[in-house]
Amino acid sequence: MKRYEYVNIHIGKFCGAKSEEHRGIINEYAAKGCRYVGYIPTKISGYGIITDLNLADHPVGAFAGDRTAAERR
């Protein structure tokens, strides 16, 4: 079974405002050997605006139990 790590982000700005917070988190987890796989909205306002989300990261390499491309063939 694959293991994922999730990081919650609160979006406290108005819709459409520029945010750079996610890049730092993705880079931090990449340095730990994780690969960014996507995001999951965890809270949506009554107006349909995402206010909180989780970034999903998957550890890669032998430690995470991943197989290499050659092993998957």
Protein backbone atom coordinates (compact mmCIF):
# COMPACT_ATOMS: atom_id res chain seq x y z
CA MET A 1 0.00 0.00 0.00
CA LYS A 2 1.33 3.42 -0.89
CA ARG A 3 1.84 5.98 1.83
CA TYR A 4 1.08 9.66 1.35
CA GLU A 5 1.83 12.73 3.42
CA TYR A 6 -0.62 15.63 3.53
CA VAL A 7 0.02 19.28 4.35
CA ASN A 8 -2.95 21.53 5.10
CA ILE A 9 -2.93 25.05 3.63
CA HIS A 10 -5.40 27.77 4.59
CA ILE A 11 -6.07 30.22 1.79
CA GLY A 12 -6.68 33.47 3.64
CA LYS A 13 -6.62 35.80 0.65
CA PHE A 14 -9.36 36.96 -1.66
CA CYS A 15 -10.18 34.76 -4.63
CA GLY A 16 -7.63 35.20 -7.40
CA ALA A 17 -4.95 36.65 -5.10
CA LYS A 18 -1.45 35.34 -5.79
CA SER A 19 -0.05 32.84 -3.26
CA GLU A 20 3.45 31.37 -3.22
CA GLU A 21 3.13 29.32 0.00
CA HIS A 22 2.50 26.05 -1.83
CA ARG A 23 5.77 26.24 -3.74
CA GLY A 24 7.84 26.36 -0.56
CA ILE A 25 5.99 23.38 0.88
CA ILE A 26 6.34 21.33 -2.32
CA ASN A 27 10.07 22.15 -2.48
CA GLU A 28 10.52 21.26 1.21
CA TYR A 29 8.93 17.85 0.73
CA ALA A 30 10.88 17.26 -2.50
CA ALA A 31 14.08 17.80 -0.50
CA LYS A 32 12.85 15.05 1.87
CA GLY A 33 12.47 12.67 -1.09
CA CYS A 34 8.74 13.13 -1.75
CA ARG A 35 6.94 13.74 -5.01
CA TYR A 36 3.96 16.11 -5.25
CA VAL A 37 0.90 14.24 -6.51
CA GLY A 38 -1.98 16.70 -6.20
CA TYR A 39 -4.30 18.59 -3.91
CA ILE A 40 -7.58 17.90 -2.17
CA PRO A 41 -9.97 20.75 -1.29
CA THR A 42 -10.89 20.27 2.39
CA LYS A 43 -13.05 23.35 2.97
CA ILE A 44 -15.19 25.27 0.48
CA SER A 45 -17.12 28.45 1.33
CA GLY A 46 -20.82 28.88 0.68
CA TYR A 47 -19.81 30.79 -2.46
CA GLY A 48 -17.85 27.85 -3.87
CA ILE A 49 -14.42 29.28 -3.04
CA ILE A 50 -11.79 26.83 -1.79
CA THR A 51 -10.56 28.14 1.57
CA ASP A 52 -8.49 25.14 2.74
CA LEU A 53 -6.73 22.37 0.88
CA ASN A 54 -4.31 19.53 1.46
CA LEU A 55 -1.23 19.10 -0.69
CA ALA A 56 -0.55 15.39 -1.19
CA ASP A 57 3.05 14.18 -1.37
CA HIS A 58 4.24 10.63 -1.94
CA PRO A 59 7.63 9.45 -0.65
CA VAL A 60 9.69 7.97 -3.48
CA GLY A 61 12.51 5.46 -3.54
CA ALA A 62 13.21 2.16 -1.84
CA PHE A 63 12.19 3.53 1.56
CA ALA A 64 8.64 4.16 0.33
CA GLY A 65 8.33 0.73 -1.23
CA ASP A 66 8.20 2.15 -4.76
CA ARG A 67 9.35 -0.02 -7.59
CA THR A 68 11.53 1.38 -10.31
CA ALA A 69 10.25 1.55 -13.87
CA ALA A 70 12.34 -1.53 -14.74
CA GLU A 71 10.80 -3.49 -11.85
CA ARG A 72 7.26 -2.62 -12.99
CA ARG A 73 7.81 -4.15 -16.46
